[in-house]
């Protein structure tokens, strides 16, 4: 048997990343709003953050979902759910990495997103319109909110992201990784879940 030596290992689950709107420690937040409510029993976000995640022009990141015209509601709900997962989940520890950024010290990288969640996101957004493949960087922020950079025409998601994996992996600088694993396998992260079922 090998004894453990040195500093104790950091826990991988039940942790919050060191980022702009995250709490220091996960805990109950009984008033989480809308699509963020599945995390209410143990969340890294506050009720206020969960409400802001649903707003058209949220103070969270001053990000405009409608940068190429109105984003369809069936598509926007996936971005709201994505924001809820990022802000609220205490179970992203294995994928937290250091980030050199003015607005966060940590980020997630290559979170294995369950196949159905990624494919449904693409299916519901394929007719929405955008001008960029990577939404983390390269925007024109001159007005205080993101606008398409000069020379970047608005095109359907299905052209910008030809496959579901392209959307899930590229839109947030590889925060997610398309997983061939299915929901309920225990080998991928579900953006959509029923907390009563774990």
C-alpha atoms as a PDB file:
ATOM      1  CA  UNK A   1       0.000   0.000   0.000  1.00  0.00           C
ATOM      2  CA  UNK A   2       1.196   3.478  -0.776  1.00  0.00           C
ATOM      3  CA  UNK A   3       0.483   6.178   1.781  1.00  0.00           C
ATOM      4  CA  UNK A   4      -0.401   9.667   0.653  1.00  0.00           C
ATOM      5  CA  UNK A   5       2.363  12.166   1.199  1.00  0.00           C
ATOM      6  CA  UNK A   6       2.312  15.950   0.951  1.00  0.00           C
ATOM      7  CA  UNK A   7      -0.582  18.365   0.618  1.00  0.00           C
ATOM      8  CA  UNK A   8      -4.104  16.923   0.413  1.00  0.00           C
ATOM      9  CA  UNK A   9      -5.551  16.703  -3.086  1.00  0.00           C
ATOM     10  CA  UNK A  10      -8.060  19.334  -4.107  1.00  0.00           C
ATOM     11  CA  UNK A  11     -11.573  17.896  -4.466  1.00  0.00           C
ATOM     12  CA  UNK A  12     -12.833  17.575  -8.039  1.00  0.00           C
ATOM     13  CA  UNK A  13     -16.544  17.677  -7.284  1.00  0.00           C
ATOM     14  CA  UNK A  14     -18.527  20.081  -5.148  1.00  0.00           C
ATOM     15  CA  UNK A  15     -16.249  23.016  -6.032  1.00  0.00           C
ATOM     16  CA  UNK A  16     -16.771  26.416  -7.645  1.00  0.00           C
ATOM     17  CA  UNK A  17     -14.366  27.940 -10.123  1.00  0.00           C
ATOM     18  CA  UNK A  18     -12.695  31.256  -9.432  1.00  0.00           C
ATOM     19  CA  UNK A  19     -14.559  33.428 -11.936  1.00  0.00           C
ATOM     20  CA  UNK A  20     -16.527  36.658 -12.182  1.00  0.00           C
ATOM     21  CA  UNK A  21     -19.920  35.692 -10.713  1.00  0.00           C
ATOM     22  CA  UNK A  22     -19.234  32.418  -8.892  1.00  0.00           C
ATOM     23  CA  UNK A  23     -19.631  31.915  -5.162  1.00  0.00           C
ATOM     24  CA  UNK A  24     -16.545  30.757  -3.264  1.00  0.00           C
ATOM     25  CA  UNK A  25     -18.227  27.544  -2.121  1.00  0.00           C
ATOM     26  CA  UNK A  26     -21.296  25.713  -3.462  1.00  0.00           C
ATOM     27  CA  UNK A  27     -24.406  25.669  -1.313  1.00  0.00           C
ATOM     28  CA  UNK A  28     -28.182  25.719  -1.360  1.00  0.00           C
ATOM     29  CA  UNK A  29     -29.848  28.557  -3.308  1.00  0.00           C
ATOM     30  CA  UNK A  30     -33.555  27.836  -3.010  1.00  0.00           C
ATOM     31  CA  UNK A  31     -34.646  30.759  -5.197  1.00  0.00           C
ATOM     32  CA  UNK A  32     -32.703  29.959  -8.382  1.00  0.00           C
ATOM     33  CA  UNK A  33     -34.614  31.281 -11.371  1.00  0.00           C
ATOM     34  CA  UNK A  34     -36.085  29.405 -14.338  1.00  0.00           C
ATOM     35  CA  UNK A  35     -33.717  27.094 -16.165  1.00  0.00           C
ATOM     36  CA  UNK A  36     -31.098  27.393 -13.399  1.00  0.00           C
ATOM     37  CA  UNK A  37     -33.450  25.887 -10.789  1.00  0.00           C
ATOM     38  CA  UNK A  38     -32.155  22.274 -11.148  1.00  0.00           C
ATOM     39  CA  UNK A  39     -29.012  23.403  -9.279  1.00  0.00           C
ATOM     40  CA  UNK A  40     -30.920  25.007  -6.358  1.00  0.00           C
ATOM     41  CA  UNK A  41     -29.911  22.390  -3.780  1.00  0.00           C
ATOM     42  CA  UNK A  42     -26.186  22.908  -4.376  1.00  0.00           C
ATOM     43  CA  UNK A  43     -25.135  25.818  -6.576  1.00  0.00           C
ATOM     44  CA  UNK A  44     -22.110  27.968  -7.378  1.00  0.00           C
ATOM     45  CA  UNK A  45     -24.412  30.801  -8.492  1.00  0.00           C
ATOM     46  CA  UNK A  46     -26.666  33.166  -6.578  1.00  0.00           C
ATOM     47  CA  UNK A  47     -30.367  33.727  -7.244  1.00  0.00           C
ATOM     48  CA  UNK A  48     -29.517  37.112  -8.775  1.00  0.00           C
ATOM     49  CA  UNK A  49     -27.005  35.545 -11.202  1.00  0.00           C
ATOM     50  CA  UNK A  50     -29.589  32.933 -12.204  1.00  0.00           C
ATOM     51  CA  UNK A  51     -32.157  35.649 -12.996  1.00  0.00           C
ATOM     52  CA  UNK A  52     -29.612  37.634 -15.023  1.00  0.00           C
ATOM     53  CA  UNK A  53     -28.783  34.511 -17.073  1.00  0.00           C
ATOM     54  CA  UNK A  54     -32.306  34.709 -18.534  1.00  0.00           C
ATOM     55  CA  UNK A  55     -32.275  38.404 -19.496  1.00  0.00           C
ATOM     56  CA  UNK A  56     -32.045  39.570 -23.104  1.00  0.00           C
ATOM     57  CA  UNK A  57     -29.176  41.942 -22.265  1.00  0.00           C
ATOM     58  CA  UNK A  58     -27.639  40.627 -19.058  1.00  0.00           C
ATOM     59  CA  UNK A  59     -25.168  42.541 -16.911  1.00  0.00           C
ATOM     60  CA  UNK A  60     -23.281  39.235 -16.419  1.00  0.00           C
ATOM     61  CA  UNK A  61     -21.144  39.747 -19.538  1.00  0.00           C
ATOM     62  CA  UNK A  62     -23.000  42.467 -21.512  1.00  0.00           C
ATOM     63  CA  UNK A  63     -23.405  39.842 -24.221  1.00  0.00           C
ATOM     64  CA  UNK A  64     -26.010  40.392 -26.936  1.00  0.00           C
ATOM     65  CA  UNK A  65     -27.494  37.108 -28.167  1.00  0.00           C
ATOM     66  CA  UNK A  66     -29.249  39.044 -30.964  1.00  0.00           C
ATOM     67  CA  UNK A  67     -26.094  40.305 -32.686  1.00  0.00           C
ATOM     68  CA  UNK A  68     -27.394  39.110 -36.087  1.00  0.00           C
ATOM     69  CA  UNK A  69     -31.105  39.637 -35.541  1.00  0.00           C
ATOM     70  CA  UNK A  70     -33.463  38.043 -33.040  1.00  0.00           C
ATOM     71  CA  UNK A  71     -32.289  34.645 -31.830  1.00  0.00           C
ATOM     72  CA  UNK A  72     -35.202  32.158 -31.905  1.00  0.00           C
ATOM     73  CA  UNK A  73     -36.484  31.213 -28.438  1.00  0.00           C
ATOM     74  CA  UNK A  74     -35.893  27.479 -29.057  1.00  0.00           C
ATOM     75  CA  UNK A  75     -32.214  28.294 -29.677  1.00  0.00           C
ATOM     76  CA  UNK A  76     -31.775  30.867 -26.915  1.00  0.00           C
ATOM     77  CA  UNK A  77     -32.948  28.409 -24.263  1.00  0.00           C
ATOM     78  CA  UNK A  78     -29.797  26.342 -24.908  1.00  0.00           C
ATOM     79  CA  UNK A  79     -27.588  29.387 -24.327  1.00  0.00           C
ATOM     80  CA  UNK A  80     -29.487  30.136 -21.119  1.00  0.00           C
ATOM     81  CA  UNK A  81     -28.997  26.517 -20.028  1.00  0.00           C
ATOM     82  CA  UNK A  82     -25.319  26.718 -20.985  1.00  0.00           C
ATOM     83  CA  UNK A  83     -24.978  29.858 -18.832  1.00  0.00           C
ATOM     84  CA  UNK A  84     -26.768  28.136 -15.927  1.00  0.00           C
ATOM     85  CA  UNK A  85     -24.449  25.115 -16.165  1.00  0.00           C
ATOM     86  CA  UNK A  86     -21.353  27.321 -16.283  1.00  0.00           C
ATOM     87  CA  UNK A  87     -22.435  29.631 -13.461  1.00  0.00           C
ATOM     88  CA  UNK A  88     -24.240  27.165 -11.175  1.00  0.00           C
ATOM     89  CA  UNK A  89     -22.781  23.656 -11.461  1.00  0.00           C
ATOM     90  CA  UNK A  90     -20.554  22.482  -8.588  1.00  0.00           C
ATOM     91  CA  UNK A  91     -19.511  19.429 -10.637  1.00  0.00           C
ATOM     92  CA  UNK A  92     -17.160  20.888 -13.242  1.00  0.00           C
ATOM     93  CA  UNK A  93     -14.021  20.509 -11.102  1.00  0.00           C
ATOM     94  CA  UNK A  94     -12.262  17.919 -13.290  1.00  0.00           C
ATOM     95  CA  UNK A  95     -12.282  20.407 -16.181  1.00  0.00           C
ATOM     96  CA  UNK A  96     -11.366  23.629 -14.360  1.00  0.00           C
ATOM     97  CA  UNK A  97      -8.143  25.194 -15.643  1.00  0.00           C
ATOM     98  CA  UNK A  98      -6.268  28.418 -14.925  1.00  0.00           C
ATOM     99  CA  UNK A  99      -7.290  31.314 -17.181  1.00  0.00           C
ATOM    100  CA  UNK A 100      -5.302  34.414 -17.993  1.00  0.00           C
ATOM    101  CA  UNK A 101      -8.166  36.843 -18.294  1.00  0.00           C
ATOM    102  CA  UNK A 102      -9.230  40.180 -16.852  1.00  0.00           C
ATOM    103  CA  UNK A 103     -12.629  38.779 -15.854  1.00  0.00           C
ATOM    104  CA  UNK A 104     -11.829  35.314 -14.483  1.00  0.00           C
ATOM    105  CA  UNK A 105      -8.924  33.379 -13.021  1.00  0.00           C
ATOM    106  CA  UNK A 106     -10.310  29.969 -13.957  1.00  0.00           C
ATOM    107  CA  UNK A 107     -12.333  28.484 -16.789  1.00  0.00           C
ATOM    108  CA  UNK A 108     -13.530  25.054 -17.901  1.00  0.00           C
ATOM    109  CA  UNK A 109     -11.920  23.186 -20.791  1.00  0.00           C
ATOM    110  CA  UNK A 110     -13.123  20.086 -22.684  1.00  0.00           C
ATOM    111  CA  UNK A 111     -16.167  19.347 -20.492  1.00  0.00           C
ATOM    112  CA  UNK A 112     -17.597  16.191 -22.147  1.00  0.00           C
ATOM    113  CA  UNK A 113     -21.090  17.292 -23.142  1.00  0.00           C
ATOM    114  CA  UNK A 114     -23.560  14.425 -23.586  1.00  0.00           C
ATOM    115  CA  UNK A 115     -24.317  13.647 -27.207  1.00  0.00           C
ATOM    116  CA  UNK A 116     -28.054  14.377 -27.022  1.00  0.00           C
ATOM    117  CA  UNK A 117     -27.506  17.747 -25.348  1.00  0.00           C
ATOM    118  CA  UNK A 118     -25.051  18.848 -28.025  1.00  0.00           C
ATOM    119  CA  UNK A 119     -27.127  17.529 -30.929  1.00  0.00           C
ATOM    120  CA  UNK A 120     -30.358  19.111 -29.667  1.00  0.00           C
ATOM    121  CA  UNK A 121     -28.543  22.442 -29.194  1.00  0.00           C
ATOM    122  CA  UNK A 122     -27.385  22.317 -32.827  1.00  0.00           C
ATOM    123  CA  UNK A 123     -30.796  21.176 -34.108  1.00  0.00           C
ATOM    124  CA  UNK A 124     -32.622  24.009 -32.324  1.00  0.00           C
ATOM    125  CA  UNK A 125     -30.069  26.623 -33.433  1.00  0.00           C
ATOM    126  CA  UNK A 126     -29.188  25.539 -36.986  1.00  0.00           C
ATOM    127  CA  UNK A 127     -31.443  28.232 -38.521  1.00  0.00           C
ATOM    128  CA  UNK A 128     -30.349  30.978 -36.092  1.00  0.00           C
ATOM    129  CA  UNK A 129     -27.826  33.484 -37.438  1.00  0.00           C
ATOM    130  CA  UNK A 130     -24.363  34.535 -36.261  1.00  0.00           C
ATOM    131  CA  UNK A 131     -21.199  36.105 -37.642  1.00  0.00           C
ATOM    132  CA  UNK A 132     -18.585  34.283 -35.550  1.00  0.00           C
ATOM    133  CA  UNK A 133     -17.429  30.768 -34.775  1.00  0.00           C
ATOM    134  CA  UNK A 134     -15.714  31.604 -31.457  1.00  0.00           C
ATOM    135  CA  UNK A 135     -17.880  33.783 -29.217  1.00  0.00           C
ATOM    136  CA  UNK A 136     -15.195  34.221 -26.543  1.00  0.00           C
ATOM    137  CA  UNK A 137     -13.110  36.692 -28.534  1.00  0.00           C
ATOM    138  CA  UNK A 138     -12.859  39.012 -31.517  1.00  0.00           C
ATOM    139  CA  UNK A 139     -16.061  41.027 -31.082  1.00  0.00           C
ATOM    140  CA  UNK A 140     -16.366  44.768 -31.636  1.00  0.00           C
ATOM    141  CA  UNK A 141     -17.067  46.100 -28.105  1.00  0.00           C
ATOM    142  CA  UNK A 142     -16.974  49.821 -29.031  1.00  0.00           C
ATOM    143  CA  UNK A 143     -20.603  50.340 -27.921  1.00  0.00           C
ATOM    144  CA  UNK A 144     -20.196  48.377 -24.662  1.00  0.00           C
ATOM    145  CA  UNK A 145     -21.867  45.266 -26.017  1.00  0.00           C
ATOM    146  CA  UNK A 146     -20.690  42.721 -28.568  1.00  0.00           C
ATOM    147  CA  UNK A 147     -21.204  43.545 -32.237  1.00  0.00           C
ATOM    148  CA  UNK A 148     -19.989  41.681 -35.284  1.00  0.00           C
ATOM    149  CA  UNK A 149     -16.468  42.644 -36.314  1.00  0.00           C
ATOM    150  CA  UNK A 150     -16.017  44.451 -39.619  1.00  0.00           C
ATOM    151  CA  UNK A 151     -16.087  42.041 -42.551  1.00  0.00           C
ATOM    152  CA  UNK A 152     -17.836  39.204 -40.665  1.00  0.00           C
ATOM    153  CA  UNK A 153     -21.177  38.606 -42.396  1.00  0.00           C
ATOM    154  CA  UNK A 154     -24.153  37.079 -40.602  1.00  0.00           C
ATOM    155  CA  UNK A 155     -24.764  33.465 -41.687  1.00  0.00           C
ATOM    156  CA  UNK A 156     -26.936  30.574 -40.466  1.00  0.00           C
ATOM    157  CA  UNK A 157     -25.468  28.488 -37.640  1.00  0.00           C
ATOM    158  CA  UNK A 158     -25.591  25.482 -39.990  1.00  0.00           C
ATOM    159  CA  UNK A 159     -22.969  27.195 -42.182  1.00  0.00           C
ATOM    160  CA  UNK A 160     -20.811  28.502 -39.343  1.00  0.00           C
ATOM    161  CA  UNK A 161     -21.093  25.193 -37.438  1.00  0.00           C
ATOM    162  CA  UNK A 162     -21.643  22.394 -40.022  1.00  0.00           C
ATOM    163  CA  UNK A 163     -21.898  19.662 -37.342  1.00  0.00           C
ATOM    164  CA  UNK A 164     -23.171  19.563 -33.756  1.00  0.00           C
ATOM    165  CA  UNK A 165     -19.612  18.983 -32.518  1.00  0.00           C
ATOM    166  CA  UNK A 166     -18.477  22.200 -34.238  1.00  0.00           C
ATOM    167  CA  UNK A 167     -21.044  24.235 -32.306  1.00  0.00           C
ATOM    168  CA  UNK A 168     -20.398  22.677 -28.909  1.00  0.00           C
ATOM    169  CA  UNK A 169     -16.610  22.679 -29.162  1.00  0.00           C
ATOM    170  CA  UNK A 170     -15.837  25.917 -30.999  1.00  0.00           C
ATOM    171  CA  UNK A 171     -18.373  28.468 -29.748  1.00  0.00           C
ATOM    172  CA  UNK A 172     -16.726  28.896 -26.312  1.00  0.00           C
ATOM    173  CA  UNK A 173     -13.052  28.141 -27.103  1.00  0.00           C
ATOM    174  CA  UNK A 174     -13.321  24.400 -26.408  1.00  0.00           C
ATOM    175  CA  UNK A 175     -15.035  24.784 -23.047  1.00  0.00           C
ATOM    176  CA  UNK A 176     -17.058  21.755 -24.175  1.00  0.00           C
ATOM    177  CA  UNK A 177     -16.092  18.589 -25.971  1.00  0.00           C
ATOM    178  CA  UNK A 178     -18.657  16.622 -27.964  1.00  0.00           C
ATOM    179  CA  UNK A 179     -19.051  13.255 -26.276  1.00  0.00           C
ATOM    180  CA  UNK A 180     -20.273  10.109 -28.004  1.00  0.00           C
ATOM    181  CA  UNK A 181     -21.556   9.053 -24.579  1.00  0.00           C
ATOM    182  CA  UNK A 182     -25.273   9.298 -23.957  1.00  0.00           C
ATOM    183  CA  UNK A 183     -27.277  10.860 -21.149  1.00  0.00           C
ATOM    184  CA  UNK A 184     -27.491   8.658 -18.079  1.00  0.00           C
ATOM    185  CA  UNK A 185     -24.169   6.927 -18.886  1.00  0.00           C
ATOM    186  CA  UNK A 186     -22.370   8.696 -16.043  1.00  0.00           C
ATOM    187  CA  UNK A 187     -19.585   9.499 -18.514  1.00  0.00           C
ATOM    188  CA  UNK A 188     -20.694  12.892 -19.770  1.00  0.00           C
ATOM    189  CA  UNK A 189     -22.139  16.128 -18.427  1.00  0.00           C
ATOM    190  CA  UNK A 190     -25.813  16.831 -19.053  1.00  0.00           C
ATOM    191  CA  UNK A 191     -26.809  20.442 -19.556  1.00  0.00           C
ATOM    192  CA  UNK A 192     -30.442  19.386 -19.187  1.00  0.00           C
ATOM    193  CA  UNK A 193     -31.424  17.165 -16.281  1.00  0.00           C
ATOM    194  CA  UNK A 194     -34.080  16.442 -13.693  1.00  0.00           C
ATOM    195  CA  UNK A 195     -32.545  16.978 -10.230  1.00  0.00           C
ATOM    196  CA  UNK A 196     -34.930  14.413  -8.734  1.00  0.00           C
ATOM    197  CA  UNK A 197     -33.136  11.774 -10.824  1.00  0.00           C
ATOM    198  CA  UNK A 198     -29.633  12.846  -9.794  1.00  0.00           C
END
